[in-house]
Protein backbone atom coordinates (compact mmCIF):
# COMPACT_ATOMS: atom_id res chain seq x y z
CA UNK A 1 -4.58 9.45 25.77
CA UNK A 2 -7.45 7.16 24.61
CA UNK A 3 -6.96 3.42 25.09
CA UNK A 4 -5.12 1.88 22.14
CA UNK A 5 -3.96 5.26 20.82
CA UNK A 6 -0.26 5.40 19.93
CA UNK A 7 2.01 7.38 22.22
CA UNK A 8 3.38 10.72 21.00
CA UNK A 9 6.79 9.11 20.40
CA UNK A 10 5.21 6.38 18.25
CA UNK A 11 3.26 8.98 16.25
CA UNK A 12 6.42 11.09 15.73
CA UNK A 13 8.34 7.99 14.65
CA UNK A 14 5.66 6.99 12.14
CA UNK A 15 5.54 10.55 10.77
CA UNK A 16 9.35 10.64 10.47
CA UNK A 17 9.38 7.26 8.72
CA UNK A 18 6.67 8.35 6.28
CA UNK A 19 8.57 11.57 5.57
CA UNK A 20 11.81 9.64 5.04
CA UNK A 21 10.11 7.12 2.73
CA UNK A 22 8.54 9.92 0.68
CA UNK A 23 11.84 11.80 0.41
CA UNK A 24 13.76 8.70 -0.67
CA UNK A 25 11.06 7.90 -3.25
CA UNK A 26 11.08 11.48 -4.55
CA UNK A 27 14.88 11.50 -4.81
CA UNK A 28 14.74 8.23 -6.79
CA UNK A 29 12.16 9.81 -9.15
CA UNK A 30 14.44 12.86 -9.56
CA UNK A 31 17.47 10.71 -10.37
CA UNK A 32 15.47 8.78 -12.96
CA UNK A 33 14.09 11.97 -14.55
CA UNK A 34 17.59 13.50 -14.72
CA UNK A 35 18.75 10.43 -16.66
CA UNK A 36 15.70 10.56 -18.95
CA UNK A 37 14.05 7.32 -17.75
CA UNK A 38 11.21 6.32 -15.46
CA UNK A 39 11.76 4.49 -12.18
CA UNK A 40 10.38 1.32 -13.77
CA UNK A 41 12.80 1.67 -16.67
CA UNK A 42 15.66 2.19 -14.20
CA UNK A 43 14.74 -1.04 -12.41
CA UNK A 44 14.63 -2.96 -15.69
CA UNK A 45 17.99 -1.53 -16.79
CA UNK A 46 19.53 -2.60 -13.47
CA UNK A 47 18.09 -6.08 -13.84
CA UNK A 48 19.26 -6.46 -17.45
CA UNK A 49 22.75 -5.39 -16.37
CA UNK A 50 22.77 -8.46 -14.11
CA UNK A 51 23.38 -12.04 -15.20
CA UNK A 52 20.16 -13.41 -16.72
CA UNK A 53 17.15 -11.15 -17.07
CA UNK A 54 13.84 -12.98 -17.40
CA UNK A 55 10.86 -10.64 -17.82
CA UNK A 56 8.37 -13.09 -16.29
CA UNK A 57 10.45 -13.59 -13.12
CA UNK A 58 11.09 -9.86 -12.88
CA UNK A 59 7.33 -9.20 -13.13
CA UNK A 60 6.59 -11.74 -10.40
CA UNK A 61 9.27 -10.42 -8.03
CA UNK A 62 8.11 -6.82 -8.52
CA UNK A 63 4.40 -7.74 -8.37
CA UNK A 64 3.74 -6.07 -11.73
CA UNK A 65 2.01 -7.49 -14.76
CA UNK A 66 4.04 -9.12 -17.52
CA UNK A 67 2.34 -6.69 -19.92
CA UNK A 68 3.77 -3.73 -17.96
CA UNK A 69 7.26 -5.23 -18.17
CA UNK A 70 6.79 -5.78 -21.92
CA UNK A 71 5.75 -2.13 -22.37
CA UNK A 72 8.81 -0.98 -20.44
CA UNK A 73 11.08 -3.18 -22.56
CA UNK A 74 9.53 -1.81 -25.76
CA UNK A 75 10.12 1.76 -24.55
CA UNK A 76 13.74 0.98 -23.68
CA UNK A 77 14.29 -0.71 -27.08
CA UNK A 78 12.67 2.21 -28.92
CA UNK A 79 15.03 4.65 -27.21
CA UNK A 80 18.03 2.47 -28.00
CA UNK A 81 18.84 1.50 -24.39
CA UNK A 82 18.19 -2.24 -24.78
CA UNK A 83 18.40 -4.80 -27.57
CA UNK A 84 16.78 -8.22 -27.67
CA UNK A 85 17.81 -11.36 -29.48
CA UNK A 86 16.92 -15.03 -29.46
CA UNK A 87 18.59 -16.73 -26.49
CA UNK A 88 21.36 -19.05 -27.74
CA UNK A 89 20.75 -21.65 -25.03
CA UNK A 90 16.93 -21.64 -25.33
CA UNK A 91 15.42 -20.55 -28.63
CA UNK A 92 12.04 -19.98 -26.96
CA UNK A 93 13.47 -17.16 -24.82
CA UNK A 94 14.69 -13.70 -25.68
CA UNK A 95 18.03 -12.46 -24.36
CA UNK A 96 18.14 -8.79 -23.37
CA UNK A 97 21.33 -6.73 -23.34
CA UNK A 98 22.10 -3.11 -22.62
CA UNK A 99 23.29 -1.10 -25.60
CA UNK A 100 26.20 1.30 -25.14
CA UNK A 101 23.61 4.06 -24.63
CA UNK A 102 21.79 1.94 -22.03
CA UNK A 103 25.08 1.38 -20.19
CA UNK A 104 25.74 5.15 -20.23
CA UNK A 105 22.28 5.86 -18.78
CA UNK A 106 22.78 3.28 -16.06
CA UNK A 107 26.25 4.60 -15.27
CA UNK A 108 24.85 8.16 -14.95
CA UNK A 109 22.19 6.86 -12.58
CA UNK A 110 24.73 4.98 -10.48
CA UNK A 111 27.11 7.96 -10.37
CA UNK A 112 24.32 10.35 -9.29
CA UNK A 113 23.20 7.90 -6.63
CA UNK A 114 26.78 7.47 -5.38
CA UNK A 115 27.18 11.26 -5.09
CA UNK A 116 23.95 11.48 -3.07
CA UNK A 117 25.05 8.66 -0.76
CA UNK A 118 28.43 10.33 -0.26
CA UNK A 119 26.78 13.66 0.56
CA UNK A 120 23.96 12.38 2.78
CA UNK A 121 24.89 9.04 4.33
CA UNK A 122 28.70 8.93 4.42
CA UNK A 123 29.17 11.83 6.88
CA UNK A 124 26.92 10.18 9.49
CA UNK A 125 28.64 8.37 12.36
CA UNK A 126 29.16 4.65 11.65
CA UNK A 127 27.65 3.63 15.01
CA UNK A 128 24.44 5.56 14.26
CA UNK A 129 24.20 3.98 10.81
CA UNK A 130 24.64 0.52 12.35
CA UNK A 131 21.95 1.24 14.95
CA UNK A 132 19.61 2.64 12.29
CA UNK A 133 20.20 -0.37 10.02
CA UNK A 134 19.39 -2.82 12.82
CA UNK A 135 16.31 -0.86 13.87
CA UNK A 136 15.04 -0.50 10.29
CA UNK A 137 15.50 -4.23 9.70
CA UNK A 138 13.63 -5.10 12.89
CA UNK A 139 10.81 -2.68 12.04
CA UNK A 140 10.52 -4.05 8.48
CA UNK A 141 10.37 -7.61 9.80
CA UNK A 142 7.65 -6.64 12.30
CA UNK A 143 5.61 -4.90 9.58
CA UNK A 144 5.93 -7.94 7.29
CA UNK A 145 4.93 -10.34 10.08
CA UNK A 146 1.96 -8.16 11.05
CA UNK A 147 0.78 -7.92 7.43
CA UNK A 148 1.05 -11.69 6.96
CA UNK A 149 -0.79 -12.47 10.21
CA UNK A 150 -3.59 -9.93 9.72
CA UNK A 151 -6.58 -10.22 7.39
CA UNK A 152 -6.65 -7.68 4.60
CA UNK A 153 -7.09 -4.28 6.21
CA UNK A 154 -9.36 -2.06 4.22
CA UNK A 155 -10.76 1.37 4.92
CA UNK A 156 -14.26 -0.12 4.61
CA UNK A 157 -13.49 -2.70 7.28
CA UNK A 158 -12.42 0.02 9.65
CA UNK A 159 -9.63 -2.11 11.07
CA UNK A 160 -6.70 -0.05 12.32
CA UNK A 161 -3.40 -0.51 10.53
CA UNK A 162 0.07 -0.36 12.03
CA UNK A 163 1.26 1.94 9.29
CA UNK A 164 -1.09 4.22 7.41
CA UNK A 165 -0.23 4.52 3.74
CA UNK A 166 -0.11 8.01 2.26
CA UNK A 167 -2.92 8.88 -0.11
CA UNK A 168 -2.32 7.62 -3.63
CA UNK A 169 -0.55 4.53 -2.31
CA UNK A 170 -1.48 0.90 -2.68
CA UNK A 171 -0.42 -2.06 -0.63
CA UNK A 172 1.93 -4.51 -2.30
CA UNK A 173 2.36 -8.14 -1.27
CA UNK A 174 4.15 -8.56 2.04
CA UNK A 175 2.75 -5.37 3.53
CA UNK A 176 4.94 -3.00 1.54
CA UNK A 177 3.40 0.21 0.35
CA UNK A 178 3.81 1.36 -3.21
CA UNK A 179 2.88 4.70 -4.78
CA UNK A 180 0.53 4.35 -7.71
CA UNK A 181 2.03 5.38 -10.98
CA UNK A 182 0.31 8.26 -12.67
CA UNK A 183 2.02 7.40 -15.95
CA UNK A 184 1.56 4.52 -18.29
CA UNK A 185 4.21 1.85 -18.25
CA UNK A 186 5.72 -0.30 -15.53
CA UNK A 187 4.35 0.14 -12.05
CA UNK A 188 6.75 1.02 -9.29
């Protein structure tokens, strides 16, 4: 094995993690499609269902443009999933609420997700889930720390990366990898 090359077990682990990440992302896309929304719309619906949705904060946390969030909100309003009004406590802000249809869509999404969790995760032994959760947390923390400590790694620079992103992916802040959206609207 060449110096610096990952061991076979490291390569297999990276491949398994990439496969798992792709499958989870694809399942999330399927759930969204089945409910008639995009993943970005799903995220916005979830956020609006919470206490106080603020589009600008949501955009910052998700590292998407405010314009993309505005487009997503317009799409959700057009389809009757969300309504907006002037915020009673601050007339400069808009308050967003789910309509009954928006609540039904979100409930369908949550129910489908719960069925998938029950079928896939629930039958696994609790000790293995605990071990996996601890390992995944440690790995995520190591990836974040590596990304923060390293200069931007670009293909042109030739610097090796700890985790190669699949084609069509872009790096988000904090070292996370995000698939590029092929549709207009909110980025994922």
